[in-house]
Amino acid sequence: MSEIILKKTSILKILADPSRYKILELLINSNGKLCVGDIAEQSKNSPSAVSHQLAKLESAGLISPSRNGQQICYRLESNEQVDIVLKIMKTLSTKNLYSIN
């Protein structure tokens, strides 16, 4: 299988998980960055569950961490993968998914 196909499908796998999708939505709607505790609170997940999903998003190149005192905060990267994810998420948010047969 070609490397290009593997990269494309890895983006779709990232978006297929509801927890990761919600985290991305939160980061998109934030003004820049969110810390793990804020993401956990807003997504109604434990900090450890959020950290696990953040690690997957980071390894996919979609987010990057920064330390803010004792907290670790994340922001969206600025790259082609994030542009693709944003386009997919925008498309999904404007479509009535219940009308898809």
PDB file of N, CA and C in Angstrom:
ATOM      1  N   MET A   1       0.855  -1.176   0.000  1.00  0.00           N
ATOM      2  CA  MET A   1       0.000   0.000   0.000  1.00  0.00           C
ATOM      3  C   MET A   1       0.897   1.235   0.000  1.00  0.00           C
ATOM      4  N   SER A   2       0.502   2.251  -0.729  1.00  0.00           N
ATOM      5  CA  SER A   2       1.352   3.425  -0.836  1.00  0.00           C
ATOM      6  C   SER A   2       1.311   4.258   0.445  1.00  0.00           C
ATOM      7  N   GLU A   3       2.381   4.988   0.663  1.00  0.00           N
ATOM      8  CA  GLU A   3       2.496   5.841   1.843  1.00  0.00           C
ATOM      9  C   GLU A   3       1.454   6.960   1.827  1.00  0.00           C
ATOM     10  N   ILE A   4       1.130   7.458   0.665  1.00  0.00           N
ATOM     11  CA  ILE A   4       0.129   8.533   0.540  1.00  0.00           C
ATOM     12  C   ILE A   4      -1.239   8.041   1.015  1.00  0.00           C
ATOM     13  N   ILE A   5      -1.622   6.840   0.607  1.00  0.00           N
ATOM     14  CA  ILE A   5      -2.908   6.282   1.034  1.00  0.00           C
ATOM     15  C   ILE A   5      -2.918   6.071   2.541  1.00  0.00           C
ATOM     16  N   LEU A   6      -1.822   5.593   3.094  1.00  0.00           N
ATOM     17  CA  LEU A   6      -1.750   5.387   4.539  1.00  0.00           C
ATOM     18  C   LEU A   6      -1.905   6.699   5.299  1.00  0.00           C
ATOM     19  N   LYS A   7      -1.294   7.774   4.790  1.00  0.00           N
ATOM     20  CA  LYS A   7      -1.426   9.082   5.434  1.00  0.00           C
ATOM     21  C   LYS A   7      -2.868   9.578   5.376  1.00  0.00           C
ATOM     22  N   LYS A   8      -3.494   9.421   4.225  1.00  0.00           N
ATOM     23  CA  LYS A   8      -4.874   9.880   4.066  1.00  0.00           C
ATOM     24  C   LYS A   8      -5.820   9.120   4.991  1.00  0.00           C
ATOM     25  N   THR A   9      -5.661   7.823   5.056  1.00  0.00           N
ATOM     26  CA  THR A   9      -6.558   7.042   5.910  1.00  0.00           C
ATOM     27  C   THR A   9      -6.267   7.265   7.391  1.00  0.00           C
ATOM     28  N   SER A  10      -5.042   7.614   7.730  1.00  0.00           N
ATOM     29  CA  SER A  10      -4.746   7.882   9.145  1.00  0.00           C
ATOM     30  C   SER A  10      -5.491   9.119   9.632  1.00  0.00           C
ATOM     31  N   ILE A  11      -5.676  10.099   8.773  1.00  0.00           N
ATOM     32  CA  ILE A  11      -6.453  11.287   9.137  1.00  0.00           C
ATOM     33  C   ILE A  11      -7.902  10.896   9.407  1.00  0.00           C
ATOM     34  N   LEU A  12      -8.451  10.043   8.569  1.00  0.00           N
ATOM     35  CA  LEU A  12      -9.835   9.608   8.750  1.00  0.00           C
ATOM     36  C   LEU A  12      -9.988   8.781  10.025  1.00  0.00           C
ATOM     37  N   LYS A  13      -8.989   7.967  10.351  1.00  0.00           N
ATOM     38  CA  LYS A  13      -9.027   7.182  11.593  1.00  0.00           C
ATOM     39  C   LYS A  13      -9.031   8.101  12.811  1.00  0.00           C
ATOM     40  N   ILE A  14      -8.253   9.169  12.754  1.00  0.00           N
ATOM     41  CA  ILE A  14      -8.212  10.129  13.859  1.00  0.00           C
ATOM     42  C   ILE A  14      -9.594  10.731  14.064  1.00  0.00           C
ATOM     43  N   LEU A  15     -10.249  11.135  12.992  1.00  0.00           N
ATOM     44  CA  LEU A  15     -11.561  11.769  13.076  1.00  0.00           C
ATOM     45  C   LEU A  15     -12.673  10.789  13.438  1.00  0.00           C
ATOM     46  N   ALA A  16     -12.440   9.500  13.232  1.00  0.00           N
ATOM     47  CA  ALA A  16     -13.475   8.503  13.494  1.00  0.00           C
ATOM     48  C   ALA A  16     -13.738   8.287  14.980  1.00  0.00           C
ATOM     49  N   ASP A  17     -12.828   8.705  15.830  1.00  0.00           N
ATOM     50  CA  ASP A  17     -13.018   8.531  17.270  1.00  0.00           C
ATOM     51  C   ASP A  17     -13.770   9.731  17.842  1.00  0.00           C
ATOM     52  N   PRO A  18     -14.916   9.516  18.480  1.00  0.00           N
ATOM     53  CA  PRO A  18     -15.709  10.638  19.002  1.00  0.00           C
ATOM     54  C   PRO A  18     -14.965  11.521  20.010  1.00  0.00           C
ATOM     55  N   SER A  19     -14.137  10.924  20.841  1.00  0.00           N
ATOM     56  CA  SER A  19     -13.390  11.724  21.830  1.00  0.00           C
ATOM     57  C   SER A  19     -12.391  12.652  21.146  1.00  0.00           C
ATOM     58  N   ARG A  20     -11.678  12.129  20.170  1.00  0.00           N
ATOM     59  CA  ARG A  20     -10.707  12.959  19.457  1.00  0.00           C
ATOM     60  C   ARG A  20     -11.413  14.038  18.650  1.00  0.00           C
ATOM     61  N   TYR A  21     -12.541  13.684  18.043  1.00  0.00           N
ATOM     62  CA  TYR A  21     -13.310  14.662  17.275  1.00  0.00           C
ATOM     63  C   TYR A  21     -13.749  15.809  18.184  1.00  0.00           C
ATOM     64  N   LYS A  22     -14.235  15.473  19.374  1.00  0.00           N
ATOM     65  CA  LYS A  22     -14.685  16.498  20.327  1.00  0.00           C
ATOM     66  C   LYS A  22     -13.511  17.379  20.756  1.00  0.00           C
ATOM     67  N   ILE A  23     -12.367  16.787  21.014  1.00  0.00           N
ATOM     68  CA  ILE A  23     -11.186  17.561  21.405  1.00  0.00           C
ATOM     69  C   ILE A  23     -10.808  18.533  20.292  1.00  0.00           C
ATOM     70  N   LEU A  24     -10.827  18.064  19.068  1.00  0.00           N
ATOM     71  CA  LEU A  24     -10.515  18.952  17.939  1.00  0.00           C
ATOM     72  C   LEU A  24     -11.526  20.087  17.843  1.00  0.00           C
ATOM     73  N   GLU A  25     -12.807  19.782  18.044  1.00  0.00           N
ATOM     74  CA  GLU A  25     -13.830  20.834  18.044  1.00  0.00           C
ATOM     75  C   GLU A  25     -13.539  21.875  19.116  1.00  0.00           C
ATOM     76  N   LEU A  26     -13.179  21.412  20.301  1.00  0.00           N
ATOM     77  CA  LEU A  26     -12.875  22.342  21.398  1.00  0.00           C
ATOM     78  C   LEU A  26     -11.682  23.229  21.051  1.00  0.00           C
ATOM     79  N   LEU A  27     -10.650  22.629  20.474  1.00  0.00           N
ATOM     80  CA  LEU A  27      -9.468  23.409  20.101  1.00  0.00           C
ATOM     81  C   LEU A  27      -9.785  24.406  18.987  1.00  0.00           C
ATOM     82  N   ILE A  28     -10.608  24.005  18.050  1.00  0.00           N
ATOM     83  CA  ILE A  28     -10.998  24.907  16.955  1.00  0.00           C
ATOM     84  C   ILE A  28     -11.762  26.101  17.509  1.00  0.00           C
ATOM     85  N   ASN A  29     -12.653  25.841  18.461  1.00  0.00           N
ATOM     86  CA  ASN A  29     -13.497  26.897  19.013  1.00  0.00           C
ATOM     87  C   ASN A  29     -12.828  27.722  20.106  1.00  0.00           C
ATOM     88  N   SER A  30     -11.647  27.308  20.531  1.00  0.00           N
ATOM     89  CA  SER A  30     -10.913  28.085  21.546  1.00  0.00           C
ATOM     90  C   SER A  30     -10.134  29.194  20.852  1.00  0.00           C
ATOM     91  N   ASN A  31      -9.667  30.109  21.617  1.00  0.00           N
ATOM     92  CA  ASN A  31      -8.841  31.185  21.058  1.00  0.00           C
ATOM     93  C   ASN A  31      -7.375  30.825  21.204  1.00  0.00           C
ATOM     94  N   GLY A  32      -6.937  29.858  20.454  1.00  0.00           N
ATOM     95  CA  GLY A  32      -5.526  29.526  20.461  1.00  0.00           C
ATOM     96  C   GLY A  32      -5.200  28.192  21.076  1.00  0.00           C
ATOM     97  N   LYS A  33      -5.348  28.071  22.403  1.00  0.00           N
ATOM     98  CA  LYS A  33      -4.944  26.824  23.034  1.00  0.00           C
ATOM     99  C   LYS A  33      -5.810  26.527  24.247  1.00  0.00           C
ATOM    100  N   LEU A  34      -5.807  25.242  24.619  1.00  0.00           N
ATOM    101  CA  LEU A  34      -6.509  24.781  25.808  1.00  0.00           C
ATOM    102  C   LEU A  34      -5.603  23.847  26.594  1.00  0.00           C
ATOM    103  N   CYS A  35      -5.718  23.901  27.907  1.00  0.00           N
ATOM    104  CA  CYS A  35      -4.948  23.014  28.769  1.00  0.00           C
ATOM    105  C   CYS A  35      -5.720  21.717  28.993  1.00  0.00           C
ATOM    106  N   VAL A  36      -5.009  20.679  29.387  1.00  0.00           N
ATOM    107  CA  VAL A  36      -5.593  19.353  29.549  1.00  0.00           C
ATOM    108  C   VAL A  36      -6.806  19.387  30.474  1.00  0.00           C
ATOM    109  N   GLY A  37      -6.698  20.070  31.601  1.00  0.00           N
ATOM    110  CA  GLY A  37      -7.807  20.141  32.552  1.00  0.00           C
ATOM    111  C   GLY A  37      -9.045  20.785  31.956  1.00  0.00           C
ATOM    112  N   ASP A  38      -8.851  21.830  31.170  1.00  0.00           N
ATOM    113  CA  ASP A  38      -9.978  22.496  30.509  1.00  0.00           C
ATOM    114  C   ASP A  38     -10.637  21.579  29.483  1.00  0.00           C
ATOM    115  N   ILE A  39      -9.811  20.864  28.738  1.00  0.00           N
ATOM    116  CA  ILE A  39     -10.340  19.932  27.734  1.00  0.00           C
ATOM    117  C   ILE A  39     -11.116  18.818  28.432  1.00  0.00           C
ATOM    118  N   ALA A  40     -10.565  18.298  29.534  1.00  0.00           N
ATOM    119  CA  ALA A  40     -11.237  17.230  30.275  1.00  0.00           C
ATOM    120  C   ALA A  40     -12.588  17.708  30.798  1.00  0.00           C
ATOM    121  N   GLU A  41     -12.614  18.897  31.357  1.00  0.00           N
ATOM    122  CA  GLU A  41     -13.863  19.436  31.896  1.00  0.00           C
ATOM    123  C   GLU A  41     -14.900  19.653  30.794  1.00  0.00           C
ATOM    124  N   GLN A  42     -14.483  20.277  29.716  1.00  0.00           N
ATOM    125  CA  GLN A  42     -15.421  20.601  28.637  1.00  0.00           C
ATOM    126  C   GLN A  42     -15.889  19.369  27.866  1.00  0.00           C
ATOM    127  N   SER A  43     -15.046  18.357  27.789  1.00  0.00           N
ATOM    128  CA  SER A  43     -15.427  17.140  27.057  1.00  0.00           C
ATOM    129  C   SER A  43     -16.056  16.096  27.971  1.00  0.00           C
ATOM    130  N   LYS A  44     -16.068  16.385  29.280  1.00  0.00           N
ATOM    131  CA  LYS A  44     -16.641  15.477  30.282  1.00  0.00           C
ATOM    132  C   LYS A  44     -15.931  14.123  30.282  1.00  0.00           C
ATOM    133  N   ASN A  45     -14.596  14.180  30.174  1.00  0.00           N
ATOM    134  CA  ASN A  45     -13.751  12.992  30.249  1.00  0.00           C
ATOM    135  C   ASN A  45     -12.709  13.200  31.335  1.00  0.00           C
ATOM    136  N   SER A  46     -12.101  12.120  31.774  1.00  0.00           N
ATOM    137  CA  SER A  46     -11.048  12.230  32.782  1.00  0.00           C
ATOM    138  C   SER A  46      -9.787  12.801  32.140  1.00  0.00           C
ATOM    139  N   PRO A  47      -8.955  13.479  32.939  1.00  0.00           N
ATOM    140  CA  PRO A  47      -7.696  13.996  32.392  1.00  0.00           C
ATOM    141  C   PRO A  47      -6.825  12.906  31.766  1.00  0.00           C
ATOM    142  N   SER A  48      -6.832  11.702  32.347  1.00  0.00           N
ATOM    143  CA  SER A  48      -6.002  10.637  31.775  1.00  0.00           C
ATOM    144  C   SER A  48      -6.547  10.175  30.421  1.00  0.00           C
ATOM    145  N   ALA A  49      -7.878  10.097  30.295  1.00  0.00           N
ATOM    146  CA  ALA A  49      -8.468   9.719  29.003  1.00  0.00           C
ATOM    147  C   ALA A  49      -8.180  10.785  27.956  1.00  0.00           C
ATOM    148  N   VAL A  50      -8.273  12.048  28.354  1.00  0.00           N
ATOM    149  CA  VAL A  50      -7.978  13.153  27.443  1.00  0.00           C
ATOM    150  C   VAL A  50      -6.510  13.123  27.027  1.00  0.00           C
ATOM    151  N   SER A  51      -5.625  12.897  27.984  1.00  0.00           N
ATOM    152  CA  SER A  51      -4.192  12.838  27.675  1.00  0.00           C
ATOM    153  C   SER A  51      -3.887  11.739  26.672  1.00  0.00           C
ATOM    154  N   HIS A  52      -4.556  10.610  26.816  1.00  0.00           N
ATOM    155  CA  HIS A  52      -4.365   9.495  25.878  1.00  0.00           C
ATOM    156  C   HIS A  52      -4.752   9.918  24.458  1.00  0.00           C
ATOM    157  N   GLN A  53      -5.899  10.592  24.319  1.00  0.00           N
ATOM    158  CA  GLN A  53      -6.350  11.035  23.002  1.00  0.00           C
ATOM    159  C   GLN A  53      -5.477  12.165  22.458  1.00  0.00           C
ATOM    160  N   LEU A  54      -5.025  13.048  23.343  1.00  0.00           N
ATOM    161  CA  LEU A  54      -4.133  14.131  22.915  1.00  0.00           C
ATOM    162  C   LEU A  54      -2.829  13.572  22.361  1.00  0.00           C
ATOM    163  N   ALA A  55      -2.328  12.505  22.965  1.00  0.00           N
ATOM    164  CA  ALA A  55      -1.090  11.880  22.473  1.00  0.00           C
ATOM    165  C   ALA A  55      -1.278  11.372  21.046  1.00  0.00           C
ATOM    166  N   LYS A  56      -2.445  10.809  20.763  1.00  0.00           N
ATOM    167  CA  LYS A  56      -2.709  10.325  19.400  1.00  0.00           C
ATOM    168  C   LYS A  56      -2.817  11.485  18.405  1.00  0.00           C
ATOM    169  N   LEU A  57      -3.471  12.567  18.839  1.00  0.00           N
ATOM    170  CA  LEU A  57      -3.577  13.748  17.970  1.00  0.00           C
ATOM    171  C   LEU A  57      -2.209  14.379  17.733  1.00  0.00           C
ATOM    172  N   GLU A  58      -1.387  14.388  18.771  1.00  0.00           N
ATOM    173  CA  GLU A  58      -0.034  14.941  18.628  1.00  0.00           C
ATOM    174  C   GLU A  58       0.815  14.077  17.703  1.00  0.00           C
ATOM    175  N   SER A  59       0.728  12.756  17.845  1.00  0.00           N
ATOM    176  CA  SER A  59       1.534  11.883  16.981  1.00  0.00           C
ATOM    177  C   SER A  59       1.089  11.956  15.526  1.00  0.00           C
ATOM    178  N   ALA A  60      -0.169  12.358  15.308  1.00  0.00           N
ATOM    179  CA  ALA A  60      -0.667  12.543  13.935  1.00  0.00           C
ATOM    180  C   ALA A  60      -0.264  13.892  13.365  1.00  0.00           C
ATOM    181  N   GLY A  61       0.369  14.728  14.188  1.00  0.00           N
ATOM    182  CA  GLY A  61       0.821  16.034  13.711  1.00  0.00           C
ATOM    183  C   GLY A  61      -0.256  17.095  13.677  1.00  0.00           C
ATOM    184  N   LEU A  62      -1.375  16.848  14.390  1.00  0.00           N
ATOM    185  CA  LEU A  62      -2.478  17.796  14.357  1.00  0.00           C
ATOM    186  C   LEU A  62      -2.410  18.849  15.453  1.00  0.00           C
ATOM    187  N   ILE A  63      -1.772  18.527  16.566  1.00  0.00           N
ATOM    188  CA  ILE A  63      -1.674  19.466  17.691  1.00  0.00           C
ATOM    189  C   ILE A  63      -0.247  19.471  18.223  1.00  0.00           C
ATOM    190  N   SER A  64       0.066  20.505  18.989  1.00  0.00           N
ATOM    191  CA  SER A  64       1.370  20.560  19.639  1.00  0.00           C
ATOM    192  C   SER A  64       1.201  21.076  21.068  1.00  0.00           C
ATOM    193  N   PRO A  65       2.023  20.553  21.988  1.00  0.00           N
ATOM    194  CA  PRO A  65       1.917  20.945  23.389  1.00  0.00           C
ATOM    195  C   PRO A  65       2.825  22.123  23.724  1.00  0.00           C
ATOM    196  N   SER A  66       2.470  22.798  24.795  1.00  0.00           N
ATOM    197  CA  SER A  66       3.362  23.791  25.394  1.00  0.00           C
ATOM    198  C   SER A  66       3.078  23.796  26.886  1.00  0.00           C
ATOM    199  N   ARG A  67       4.096  24.094  27.652  1.00  0.00           N
ATOM    200  CA  ARG A  67       3.947  24.104  29.104  1.00  0.00           C
ATOM    201  C   ARG A  67       3.558  25.502  29.545  1.00  0.00           C
ATOM    202  N   ASN A  68       2.554  25.571  30.421  1.00  0.00           N
ATOM    203  CA  ASN A  68       2.098  26.824  30.994  1.00  0.00           C
ATOM    204  C   ASN A  68       2.141  26.639  32.510  1.00  0.00           C
ATOM    205  N   GLY A  69       3.299  26.905  33.102  1.00  0.00           N
ATOM    206  CA  GLY A  69       3.489  26.610  34.524  1.00  0.00           C
ATOM    207  C   GLY A  69       3.489  25.108  34.710  1.00  0.00           C
ATOM    208  N   GLN A  70       2.570  24.616  35.534  1.00  0.00           N
ATOM    209  CA  GLN A  70       2.479  23.170  35.757  1.00  0.00           C
ATOM    210  C   GLN A  70       1.513  22.489  34.792  1.00  0.00           C
ATOM    211  N   GLN A  71       0.832  23.280  33.993  1.00  0.00           N
ATOM    212  CA  GLN A  71      -0.142  22.720  33.059  1.00  0.00           C
ATOM    213  C   GLN A  71       0.467  22.528  31.680  1.00  0.00           C
ATOM    214  N   ILE A  72      -0.052  21.532  30.987  1.00  0.00           N
ATOM    215  CA  ILE A  72       0.319  21.333  29.587  1.00  0.00           C
ATOM    216  C   ILE A  72      -0.892  21.727  28.748  1.00  0.00           C
ATOM    217  N   CYS A  73      -0.657  22.622  27.817  1.00  0.00           N
ATOM    218  CA  CYS A  73      -1.714  23.128  26.950  1.00  0.00           C
ATOM    219  C   CYS A  73      -1.424  22.706  25.515  1.00  0.00           C
ATOM    220  N   TYR A  74      -2.469  22.639  24.725  1.00  0.00           N
ATOM    221  CA  TYR A  74      -2.343  22.202  23.341  1.00  0.00           C
ATOM    222  C   TYR A  74      -2.975  23.214  22.404  1.00  0.00           C
ATOM    223  N   ARG A  75      -2.420  23.288  21.208  1.00  0.00           N
ATOM    224  CA  ARG A  75      -2.973  24.136  20.162  1.00  0.00           C
ATOM    225  C   ARG A  75      -2.906  23.361  18.858  1.00  0.00           C
ATOM    226  N   LEU A  76      -3.750  23.771  17.925  1.00  0.00           N
ATOM    227  CA  LEU A  76      -3.718  23.148  16.604  1.00  0.00           C
ATOM    228  C   LEU A  76      -2.431  23.540  15.889  1.00  0.00           C
ATOM    229  N   GLU A  77      -1.872  22.620  15.174  1.00  0.00           N
ATOM    230  CA  GLU A  77      -0.721  22.911  14.326  1.00  0.00           C
ATOM    231  C   GLU A  77      -1.213  23.672  13.097  1.00  0.00           C
ATOM    232  N   SER A  78      -0.299  24.240  12.391  1.00  0.00           N
ATOM    233  CA  SER A  78      -0.617  24.911  11.138  1.00  0.00           C
ATOM    234  C   SER A  78       0.088  24.136  10.025  1.00  0.00           C
ATOM    235  N   ASN A  79      -0.622  23.157   9.466  1.00  0.00           N
ATOM    236  CA  ASN A  79      -0.039  22.336   8.413  1.00  0.00           C
ATOM    237  C   ASN A  79      -1.135  21.782   7.506  1.00  0.00           C
ATOM    238  N   GLU A  80      -0.728  21.046   6.500  1.00  0.00           N
ATOM    239  CA  GLU A  80      -1.672  20.530   5.508  1.00  0.00           C
ATOM    240  C   GLU A  80      -2.678  19.555   6.125  1.00  0.00           C
ATOM    241  N   GLN A  81      -2.209  18.703   7.060  1.00  0.00           N
ATOM    242  CA  GLN A  81      -3.121  17.745   7.696  1.00  0.00           C
ATOM    243  C   GLN A  81      -4.234  18.466   8.444  1.00  0.00           C
ATOM    244  N   VAL A  82      -3.877  19.523   9.172  1.00  0.00           N
ATOM    245  CA  VAL A  82      -4.880  20.277   9.929  1.00  0.00           C
ATOM    246  C   VAL A  82      -5.843  20.962   8.967  1.00  0.00           C
ATOM    247  N   ASP A  83      -5.339  21.488   7.869  1.00  0.00           N
ATOM    248  CA  ASP A  83      -6.214  22.103   6.868  1.00  0.00           C
ATOM    249  C   ASP A  83      -7.234  21.095   6.352  1.00  0.00           C
ATOM    250  N   ILE A  84      -6.800  19.876   6.100  1.00  0.00           N
ATOM    251  CA  ILE A  84      -7.700  18.823   5.617  1.00  0.00           C
ATOM    252  C   ILE A  84      -8.741  18.493   6.684  1.00  0.00           C
ATOM    253  N   VAL A  85      -8.287  18.343   7.922  1.00  0.00           N
ATOM    254  CA  VAL A  85      -9.203  18.034   9.024  1.00  0.00           C
ATOM    255  C   VAL A  85     -10.238  19.142   9.184  1.00  0.00           C
ATOM    256  N   LEU A  86      -9.797  20.393   9.125  1.00  0.00           N
ATOM    257  CA  LEU A  86     -10.728  21.515   9.265  1.00  0.00           C
ATOM    258  C   LEU A  86     -11.775  21.512   8.156  1.00  0.00           C
ATOM    259  N   LYS A  87     -11.353  21.209   6.930  1.00  0.00           N
ATOM    260  CA  LYS A  87     -12.293  21.150   5.812  1.00  0.00           C
ATOM    261  C   LYS A  87     -13.311  20.028   6.007  1.00  0.00           C
ATOM    262  N   ILE A  88     -12.836  18.871   6.441  1.00  0.00           N
ATOM    263  CA  ILE A  88     -13.740  17.740   6.678  1.00  0.00           C
ATOM    264  C   ILE A  88     -14.733  18.089   7.782  1.00  0.00           C
ATOM    265  N   MET A  89     -14.237  18.655   8.879  1.00  0.00           N
ATOM    266  CA  MET A  89     -15.112  18.982  10.006  1.00  0.00           C
ATOM    267  C   MET A  89     -16.120  20.067   9.623  1.00  0.00           C
ATOM    268  N   LYS A  90     -15.689  21.035   8.836  1.00  0.00           N
ATOM    269  CA  LYS A  90     -16.605  22.094   8.389  1.00  0.00           C
ATOM    270  C   LYS A  90     -17.695  21.494   7.509  1.00  0.00           C
ATOM    271  N   THR A  91     -17.305  20.608   6.612  1.00  0.00           N
ATOM    272  CA  THR A  91     -18.274  19.951   5.745  1.00  0.00           C
ATOM    273  C   THR A  91     -19.273  19.147   6.561  1.00  0.00           C
ATOM    274  N   LEU A  92     -18.775  18.398   7.535  1.00  0.00           N
ATOM    275  CA  LEU A  92     -19.672  17.590   8.376  1.00  0.00           C
ATOM    276  C   LEU A  92     -20.624  18.459   9.190  1.00  0.00           C
ATOM    277  N   SER A  93     -20.157  19.606   9.630  1.00  0.00           N
ATOM    278  CA  SER A  93     -21.007  20.459  10.469  1.00  0.00           C
ATOM    279  C   SER A  93     -22.093  21.175   9.659  1.00  0.00           C
ATOM    280  N   THR A  94     -21.917  21.275   8.355  1.00  0.00           N
ATOM    281  CA  THR A  94     -22.906  21.972   7.530  1.00  0.00           C
ATOM    282  C   THR A  94     -23.861  21.015   6.819  1.00  0.00           C
ATOM    283  N   LYS A  95     -23.658  19.734   6.960  1.00  0.00           N
ATOM    284  CA  LYS A  95     -24.501  18.749   6.297  1.00  0.00           C
ATOM    285  C   LYS A  95     -25.464  18.125   7.302  1.00  0.00           C
ATOM    286  N   ASN A  96     -26.645  17.819   6.830  1.00  0.00           N
ATOM    287  CA  ASN A  96     -27.594  17.078   7.644  1.00  0.00           C
ATOM    288  C   ASN A  96     -27.256  15.599   7.492  1.00  0.00           C
ATOM    289  N   LEU A  97     -26.525  15.063   8.450  1.00  0.00           N
ATOM    290  CA  LEU A  97     -26.050  13.691   8.340  1.00  0.00           C
ATOM    291  C   LEU A  97     -27.180  12.675   8.409  1.00  0.00           C
ATOM    292  N   TYR A  98     -28.328  13.068   8.919  1.00  0.00           N
ATOM    293  CA  TYR A  98     -29.447  12.136   9.008  1.00  0.00           C
ATOM    294  C   TYR A  98     -30.101  11.905   7.660  1.00  0.00           C
ATOM    295  N   SER A  99     -29.803  12.755   6.686  1.00  0.00           N
ATOM    296  CA  SER A  99     -30.396  12.580   5.357  1.00  0.00           C
ATOM    297  C   SER A  99     -29.548  11.691   4.461  1.00  0.00           C
ATOM    298  N   ILE A 100     -28.386  11.253   4.975  1.00  0.00           N
ATOM    299  CA  ILE A 100     -27.517  10.384   4.193  1.00  0.00           C
ATOM    300  C   ILE A 100     -28.076   8.964   4.249  1.00  0.00           C
ATOM    301  N   ASN A 101     -28.246   8.362   3.096  1.00  0.00           N
ATOM    302  CA  ASN A 101     -28.803   6.995   3.049  1.00  0.00           C
ATOM    303  C   ASN A 101     -27.734   5.974   2.973  1.00  0.00           C
TER     304      ASN A 101
END
